[in-house]
Amino acid sequence: MSELQYPFDDHPAPGTTIEVAPGVRWLTMPMGGSLTHINLYVLEDRDGWWVVDTGLGDSTTRDWWHEIFANELMGRPVKGVICTHMHPDHIGQSKMITEEFRCPLYMTRAEYYQARTFSMGFGRHQSSWLGEEFYVRAGMPRSYLEDLAKMWSQRSSEGMSMPEMPSGYHRLEDGDVLTIGDHDWRIVVGSGHSPEHACLYCAALKLMISGDQILPIITSNVSVHPTEPNANPLKVWMESHDKFLDTPDDTFVLPAHNLPFFGIRQRLRELISHHEDRMLAVEEHCVEPAIAKDLLPVLFARELDPRQTMMALGEAIAHVHLLMHRNRIERSLHEDGHYRFTSIDPDLARRAHPDAHDAPDERPILV
């Protein structure tokens, strides 16, 4: 299999943009942790610009945006802000930009309203009986919620808390077309990493702005959370990848993290194969009943801090929920309050290859 192709060797310097196609400019904003940055894009219209994703809601990102406004947009205003999905590194400056330019925000409905809900504090579960029940059933001690509360406090200080959202938005749906300048951008909605993640595809330019839906190196987190404890996000994530495989293979992909690349179908097949391999490893482990916490060493190689553990448990549960949907694992609630998962597919012995799995990931990717 050929390697992915990366036309650019490095990211734009802070406060600058690089033109990657006619009327499409790429910039980055800083992030903490191992990712270090998020890729953002501006699209040129006849009388202004459209911003695609906005970075974190901290003062550093706000100041860099004002550098961009002053030096990179040729004195023309922002006409609209498009946010691919509701995570803080994508929506953090949406209110600032839309207020400054009195321009609309464009998002899918599920992303906008989940962002609004979380920004008002309703997404926190460290002090909720729902959160306690969820993590106890996953095998965690009740004291784990205290660790989560400390983690969320630190996350807020790092600029990763949910920002205040604009009070209104323009709704995007799968198949919508936005005409920006001389080009049409079709909205392609995926799911799994977030509820209704909007990607933008331009056939004329052979470009896709993929957000977190398709990344070239890292694998976006796909998790079950206490807010929807019986969700099956990995099912819709895999279905979304099947859908995106229809994208022409010569498409230049502009992701939210890592470098822009060619090789979209190869990368999608790698992601599908990776998750199928992880699910088979989980099945093999669950020949004897196992709690979700038992599955973390199957999926991840390193000891995890409370935040990483939260993400890792969410991913482990996402994998077993899809296996339950496929009738390969069953779940039972025991007297100790823990769910235990047991493999039930009689064909598992034929399919199993315990010595030939991908190596466990180092840690869950916090994106």
Protein backbone atom coordinates (compact mmCIF):
# COMPACT_ATOMS: atom_id res chain seq x y z
CA MET A 1 0.00 0.00 0.00
CA SER A 2 1.38 3.41 -0.94
CA GLU A 3 2.11 6.05 1.68
CA LEU A 4 -0.07 9.10 2.17
CA GLN A 5 1.21 12.16 0.30
CA TYR A 6 1.96 15.39 2.20
CA PRO A 7 2.58 18.35 -0.14
CA PHE A 8 3.55 20.68 2.72
CA ASP A 9 6.46 20.02 5.07
CA ASP A 10 5.34 22.27 7.89
CA HIS A 11 2.48 24.34 9.25
CA PRO A 12 1.99 28.08 8.69
CA ALA A 13 3.77 30.32 11.15
CA PRO A 14 1.48 31.85 13.80
CA GLY A 15 -0.42 34.85 12.53
CA THR A 16 0.11 33.92 8.86
CA THR A 17 -1.75 31.95 6.21
CA ILE A 18 -0.70 29.71 3.32
CA GLU A 19 -2.76 29.48 0.13
CA VAL A 20 -3.38 25.76 -0.53
CA ALA A 21 -5.73 26.31 -3.50
CA PRO A 22 -7.26 29.35 -5.22
CA GLY A 23 -9.23 31.22 -2.56
CA VAL A 24 -8.43 28.71 0.22
CA ARG A 25 -5.98 29.70 2.94
CA TRP A 26 -4.66 27.59 5.81
CA LEU A 27 -3.67 28.85 9.26
CA THR A 28 -3.02 27.31 12.65
CA MET A 29 -3.80 28.21 16.24
CA PRO A 30 -1.98 26.85 19.30
CA MET A 31 -3.24 24.08 21.57
CA GLY A 32 -1.81 22.52 24.69
CA GLY A 33 -0.70 18.90 24.98
CA SER A 34 0.79 16.67 22.32
CA LEU A 35 -1.27 18.08 19.43
CA THR A 36 0.24 21.60 19.80
CA HIS A 37 -2.05 23.12 17.16
CA ILE A 38 -5.31 23.05 15.27
CA ASN A 39 -5.61 23.73 11.54
CA LEU A 40 -8.17 26.36 10.54
CA TYR A 41 -9.12 27.64 7.10
CA VAL A 42 -10.45 30.81 5.48
CA LEU A 43 -12.32 30.78 2.16
CA GLU A 44 -12.28 33.85 -0.08
CA ASP A 45 -15.58 35.27 -1.29
CA ARG A 46 -16.01 38.18 -3.68
CA ASP A 47 -16.43 40.73 -0.90
CA GLY A 48 -15.00 39.02 2.16
CA TRP A 49 -14.00 35.74 3.79
CA TRP A 50 -15.54 32.71 5.44
CA VAL A 51 -13.85 31.16 8.47
CA VAL A 52 -13.91 27.37 8.91
CA ASP A 53 -13.39 26.48 12.59
CA THR A 54 -12.07 28.98 15.10
CA GLY A 55 -9.65 27.52 17.69
CA LEU A 56 -9.83 27.57 21.46
CA GLY A 57 -11.67 30.22 23.45
CA ASP A 58 -8.54 31.62 25.12
CA SER A 59 -6.91 35.06 24.89
CA THR A 60 -3.91 33.77 22.94
CA THR A 61 -6.10 32.47 20.11
CA ARG A 62 -8.19 35.64 20.16
CA ASP A 63 -5.05 37.77 19.77
CA TRP A 64 -3.74 35.65 16.88
CA TRP A 65 -7.09 36.02 15.12
CA HIS A 66 -6.74 39.80 15.31
CA GLU A 67 -3.31 39.44 13.69
CA ILE A 68 -4.97 37.47 10.88
CA PHE A 69 -7.75 40.06 10.51
CA ALA A 70 -5.22 42.90 10.31
CA ASN A 71 -2.62 41.33 8.02
CA GLU A 72 -4.03 38.40 6.04
CA LEU A 73 -7.58 39.27 4.90
CA MET A 74 -6.71 42.21 2.61
CA GLY A 75 -8.90 44.62 4.56
CA ARG A 76 -12.08 42.67 3.82
CA PRO A 77 -14.53 41.41 6.47
CA VAL A 78 -15.52 37.94 7.61
CA LYS A 79 -18.94 37.11 6.07
CA GLY A 80 -19.65 33.86 7.87
CA VAL A 81 -18.21 31.34 10.34
CA ILE A 82 -18.58 27.60 9.70
CA CYS A 83 -17.87 25.24 12.61
CA THR A 84 -17.46 21.60 11.67
CA HIS A 85 -18.49 20.39 15.12
CA MET A 86 -18.99 21.35 18.73
CA HIS A 87 -15.66 20.63 20.42
CA PRO A 88 -13.95 23.57 22.18
CA ASP A 89 -10.97 23.79 19.83
CA HIS A 90 -13.36 24.28 16.90
CA ILE A 91 -15.93 26.69 18.35
CA GLY A 92 -13.89 28.63 20.93
CA GLN A 93 -13.81 31.94 19.04
CA SER A 94 -17.13 31.59 17.18
CA LYS A 95 -18.87 34.20 19.33
CA MET A 96 -15.97 36.64 19.16
CA ILE A 97 -15.72 36.49 15.35
CA THR A 98 -19.46 36.61 14.68
CA GLU A 99 -19.87 39.51 17.12
CA GLU A 100 -16.94 41.45 15.67
CA PHE A 101 -18.15 41.16 12.09
CA ARG A 102 -21.90 40.83 12.77
CA CYS A 103 -21.90 37.71 10.60
CA PRO A 104 -23.77 34.40 10.97
CA LEU A 105 -22.57 31.10 12.40
CA TYR A 106 -23.19 27.96 10.31
CA MET A 107 -23.38 24.53 12.01
CA THR A 108 -25.45 21.38 11.87
CA ARG A 109 -28.33 21.39 14.33
CA ALA A 110 -27.12 18.62 16.65
CA GLU A 111 -23.67 20.21 16.93
CA TYR A 112 -25.01 23.68 17.67
CA TYR A 113 -27.50 22.65 20.31
CA GLN A 114 -25.12 20.26 22.05
CA ALA A 115 -22.55 23.06 22.17
CA ARG A 116 -25.18 25.44 23.61
CA THR A 117 -26.15 22.87 26.23
CA PHE A 118 -22.59 22.13 27.30
CA SER A 119 -21.62 25.81 27.33
CA MET A 120 -24.36 26.39 29.91
CA GLY A 121 -22.87 23.74 32.20
CA PHE A 122 -25.35 20.95 31.55
CA GLY A 123 -22.76 18.54 30.17
CA ARG A 124 -20.82 18.09 33.42
CA HIS A 125 -21.28 14.72 35.06
CA GLN A 126 -18.64 14.60 37.82
CA SER A 127 -21.22 15.45 40.49
CA SER A 128 -24.17 13.59 38.94
CA TRP A 129 -25.64 10.23 39.95
CA LEU A 130 -25.67 9.46 36.22
CA GLY A 131 -21.91 9.94 36.08
CA GLU A 132 -21.39 7.86 39.22
CA GLU A 133 -23.53 5.01 37.87
CA PHE A 134 -21.81 5.12 34.47
CA TYR A 135 -18.28 4.86 35.87
CA VAL A 136 -19.12 2.34 38.58
CA ARG A 137 -20.68 0.10 35.92
CA ALA A 138 -17.44 0.48 33.95
CA GLY A 139 -15.50 -0.79 36.98
CA MET A 140 -14.24 2.48 38.45
CA PRO A 141 -14.32 3.36 42.17
CA ARG A 142 -16.80 5.97 43.30
CA SER A 143 -13.88 8.25 44.18
CA TYR A 144 -13.04 8.51 40.46
CA LEU A 145 -15.60 11.31 40.12
CA GLU A 146 -13.43 13.43 42.42
CA ASP A 147 -10.50 12.93 40.04
CA LEU A 148 -12.74 13.94 37.15
CA ALA A 149 -13.81 17.12 38.95
CA LYS A 150 -10.16 18.13 39.39
CA MET A 151 -9.48 17.30 35.75
CA TRP A 152 -12.35 19.48 34.51
CA SER A 153 -11.11 22.36 36.66
CA GLN A 154 -7.64 22.12 35.09
CA ARG A 155 -9.19 21.75 31.62
CA SER A 156 -11.02 25.05 32.09
CA SER A 157 -7.79 26.82 33.02
CA GLU A 158 -6.17 25.49 29.82
CA GLY A 159 -8.87 27.06 27.63
CA MET A 160 -10.55 23.72 26.90
CA SER A 161 -13.84 24.55 28.60
CA MET A 162 -16.94 25.08 26.48
CA PRO A 163 -17.20 28.74 25.43
CA GLU A 164 -20.31 30.89 25.30
CA MET A 165 -21.98 30.33 21.95
CA PRO A 166 -23.60 32.83 19.57
CA SER A 167 -27.29 33.12 20.35
CA GLY A 168 -28.36 31.93 16.89
CA TYR A 169 -27.09 30.01 13.88
CA HIS A 170 -27.81 29.00 10.29
CA ARG A 171 -28.45 25.28 10.01
CA LEU A 172 -26.31 23.04 7.78
CA GLU A 173 -27.59 19.68 6.54
CA ASP A 174 -26.00 16.85 4.61
CA GLY A 175 -26.01 17.71 0.91
CA ASP A 176 -26.37 21.49 1.36
CA VAL A 177 -24.24 23.59 -0.99
CA LEU A 178 -22.59 26.87 0.01
CA THR A 179 -21.45 29.01 -2.91
CA ILE A 180 -18.39 30.97 -1.81
CA GLY A 181 -16.68 33.06 -4.46
CA ASP A 182 -16.41 31.01 -7.63
CA HIS A 183 -16.79 27.64 -5.94
CA ASP A 184 -19.51 25.40 -4.54
CA TRP A 185 -18.84 23.62 -1.25
CA ARG A 186 -21.05 20.62 -0.50
CA ILE A 187 -21.73 19.71 3.12
CA VAL A 188 -20.95 16.06 3.88
CA VAL A 189 -22.05 15.01 7.37
CA GLY A 190 -20.30 12.26 9.30
CA SER A 191 -20.85 11.04 12.84
CA GLY A 192 -19.30 9.11 15.70
CA HIS A 193 -16.64 11.54 16.89
CA SER A 194 -19.47 14.04 17.35
CA PRO A 195 -23.19 13.98 16.53
CA GLU A 196 -23.36 15.64 13.08
CA HIS A 197 -19.86 16.57 11.99
CA ALA A 198 -19.89 18.75 8.85
CA CYS A 199 -17.12 18.35 6.27
CA LEU A 200 -16.89 20.64 3.22
CA TYR A 201 -16.17 19.20 -0.22
CA CYS A 202 -15.38 21.24 -3.34
CA ALA A 203 -15.40 19.10 -6.50
CA ALA A 204 -13.95 21.85 -8.70
CA LEU A 205 -10.94 22.32 -6.43
CA LYS A 206 -10.76 18.62 -5.50
CA LEU A 207 -10.60 19.61 -1.82
CA MET A 208 -12.21 18.37 1.38
CA ILE A 209 -12.04 20.23 4.69
CA SER A 210 -12.42 17.23 6.96
CA GLY A 211 -12.28 18.65 10.50
CA ASP A 212 -11.75 15.77 12.94
CA GLN A 213 -13.74 13.28 10.86
CA ILE A 214 -10.72 12.17 8.81
CA LEU A 215 -7.21 12.74 10.19
CA PRO A 216 -4.05 11.38 8.54
CA ILE A 217 -2.05 10.18 11.56
CA ILE A 218 -4.08 10.21 14.73
CA THR A 219 -7.47 8.54 15.23
CA SER A 220 -10.21 10.78 16.58
CA ASN A 221 -11.75 9.76 19.87
CA VAL A 222 -15.04 7.86 19.52
CA SER A 223 -16.55 7.49 22.97
CA VAL A 224 -19.66 6.70 24.97
CA HIS A 225 -20.34 9.25 27.72
CA PRO A 226 -22.65 9.37 30.77
CA THR A 227 -24.90 11.82 28.92
CA GLU A 228 -25.98 8.95 26.60
CA PRO A 229 -24.82 5.73 28.28
CA ASN A 230 -26.26 3.33 25.70
CA ALA A 231 -25.06 5.21 22.63
CA ASN A 232 -23.40 3.35 19.76
CA PRO A 233 -21.05 5.98 18.27
CA LEU A 234 -18.61 3.52 16.74
CA LYS A 235 -21.41 2.08 14.59
CA VAL A 236 -22.13 5.45 12.96
CA TRP A 237 -18.38 6.23 12.81
CA MET A 238 -17.79 3.09 10.73
CA GLU A 239 -20.85 3.79 8.59
CA SER A 240 -19.56 7.34 8.00
CA HIS A 241 -16.24 5.96 6.78
CA ASP A 242 -18.05 3.73 4.32
CA LYS A 243 -19.90 6.82 3.09
CA PHE A 244 -16.73 8.90 2.73
CA LEU A 245 -15.10 6.14 0.67
CA ASP A 246 -17.14 7.54 -2.25
CA THR A 247 -14.88 10.61 -2.21
CA PRO A 248 -12.61 10.76 -5.30
CA ASP A 249 -9.16 9.44 -4.44
CA ASP A 250 -7.39 12.50 -5.87
CA THR A 251 -9.03 14.74 -3.24
CA PHE A 252 -6.68 16.94 -1.23
CA VAL A 253 -7.77 16.60 2.41
CA LEU A 254 -7.45 19.57 4.77
CA PRO A 255 -7.75 18.11 8.30
CA ALA A 256 -8.03 19.84 11.66
CA HIS A 257 -4.81 18.21 12.95
CA ASN A 258 -1.56 16.98 11.39
CA LEU A 259 -0.69 18.04 7.82
CA PRO A 260 -2.94 18.24 4.72
CA PHE A 261 -2.66 15.07 2.66
CA PHE A 262 -3.60 13.00 -0.37
CA GLY A 263 -4.82 9.42 0.07
CA ILE A 264 -8.31 9.72 1.53
CA ARG A 265 -9.49 6.21 0.62
CA GLN A 266 -6.33 4.59 1.92
CA ARG A 267 -6.67 6.45 5.21
CA LEU A 268 -10.35 5.56 5.58
CA ARG A 269 -9.56 1.88 5.01
CA GLU A 270 -6.77 2.09 7.60
CA LEU A 271 -9.19 3.56 10.14
CA ILE A 272 -11.84 0.93 9.44
CA SER A 273 -9.27 -1.88 9.68
CA HIS A 274 -7.85 -0.47 12.91
CA HIS A 275 -11.21 -0.45 14.67
CA GLU A 276 -12.11 -3.91 13.37
CA ASP A 277 -8.82 -5.20 14.76
CA ARG A 278 -9.47 -3.51 18.12
CA MET A 279 -12.93 -5.08 18.31
CA LEU A 280 -11.55 -8.54 17.59
CA ALA A 281 -8.95 -8.10 20.33
CA VAL A 282 -11.76 -7.10 22.72
CA GLU A 283 -13.78 -10.17 21.74
CA GLU A 284 -10.81 -12.43 22.42
CA HIS A 285 -10.31 -10.82 25.84
CA CYS A 286 -13.99 -11.23 26.74
CA VAL A 287 -14.01 -15.02 26.38
CA GLU A 288 -14.01 -14.69 30.16
CA PRO A 289 -16.41 -12.01 31.46
CA ALA A 290 -14.68 -8.62 31.68
CA ILE A 291 -15.55 -5.15 32.92
CA ALA A 292 -14.82 -2.09 30.76
CA LYS A 293 -11.85 -1.13 32.93
CA ASP A 294 -10.28 -4.54 32.16
CA LEU A 295 -10.24 -3.62 28.47
CA LEU A 296 -7.97 -0.58 28.79
CA PRO A 297 -4.70 -2.57 28.52
CA VAL A 298 -6.13 -4.28 25.42
CA LEU A 299 -6.55 -0.91 23.71
CA PHE A 300 -3.83 1.26 25.29
CA ALA A 301 -0.23 0.57 26.20
CA ARG A 302 0.48 3.18 28.87
CA GLU A 303 -0.75 4.00 32.33
CA LEU A 304 -3.38 6.73 31.99
CA ASP A 305 -4.17 9.83 34.02
CA PRO A 306 -7.80 10.57 35.00
CA ARG A 307 -8.57 12.54 31.84
CA GLN A 308 -7.02 9.89 29.59
CA THR A 309 -8.84 7.20 31.55
CA MET A 310 -12.16 8.96 30.92
CA MET A 311 -11.50 9.00 27.17
CA ALA A 312 -10.16 5.43 27.17
CA LEU A 313 -13.19 4.07 29.01
CA GLY A 314 -15.46 5.87 26.57
CA GLU A 315 -13.63 4.26 23.65
CA ALA A 316 -13.66 0.79 25.24
CA ILE A 317 -17.41 1.02 25.84
CA ALA A 318 -17.94 2.24 22.26
CA HIS A 319 -16.19 -0.90 20.99
CA VAL A 320 -18.24 -3.29 23.13
CA HIS A 321 -21.49 -1.51 22.23
CA LEU A 322 -20.86 -2.12 18.54
CA LEU A 323 -19.97 -5.74 19.31
CA MET A 324 -23.25 -6.05 21.23
CA HIS A 325 -25.07 -4.62 18.19
CA ARG A 326 -23.38 -7.29 16.06
CA ASN A 327 -24.44 -10.01 18.55
CA ARG A 328 -20.84 -10.91 19.31
CA ILE A 329 -20.83 -9.81 22.96
CA GLU A 330 -23.51 -9.80 25.65
CA ARG A 331 -23.67 -7.54 28.69
CA SER A 332 -24.86 -8.42 32.18
CA LEU A 333 -25.17 -6.31 35.33
CA HIS A 334 -23.73 -8.00 38.44
CA GLU A 335 -24.42 -7.49 42.13
CA ASP A 336 -21.27 -5.39 42.55
CA GLY A 337 -22.78 -2.80 40.20
CA HIS A 338 -20.39 -3.56 37.32
CA TYR A 339 -21.33 -4.47 33.78
CA ARG A 340 -19.52 -7.55 32.51
CA PHE A 341 -19.09 -8.29 28.84
CA THR A 342 -18.85 -11.84 27.51
CA SER A 343 -18.10 -13.00 23.95
CA ILE A 344 -20.88 -15.17 22.53
CA ASP A 345 -20.05 -15.66 18.84
CA PRO A 346 -19.42 -19.40 18.22
CA ASP A 347 -17.29 -18.44 15.21
CA LEU A 348 -14.79 -16.51 17.35
CA ALA A 349 -12.29 -19.38 17.58
CA ARG A 350 -11.98 -19.44 13.79
CA ARG A 351 -11.65 -15.67 13.48
CA ALA A 352 -9.27 -15.12 16.40
CA HIS A 353 -5.60 -14.27 15.87
CA PRO A 354 -4.36 -13.13 19.30
CA ASP A 355 -0.70 -12.98 18.28
CA ALA A 356 -1.24 -10.86 15.16
CA HIS A 357 -3.04 -7.73 16.37
CA ASP A 358 -1.95 -4.17 15.92
CA ALA A 359 0.03 -2.96 18.91
CA PRO A 360 -2.12 -1.12 21.46
CA ASP A 361 -2.20 2.65 21.04
CA GLU A 362 0.03 4.58 23.42
CA ARG A 363 -2.90 6.53 24.89
CA PRO A 364 -6.29 7.82 23.74
CA ILE A 365 -6.08 10.87 21.50
CA LEU A 366 -7.72 13.80 23.23
CA VAL A 367 -9.44 15.10 20.12
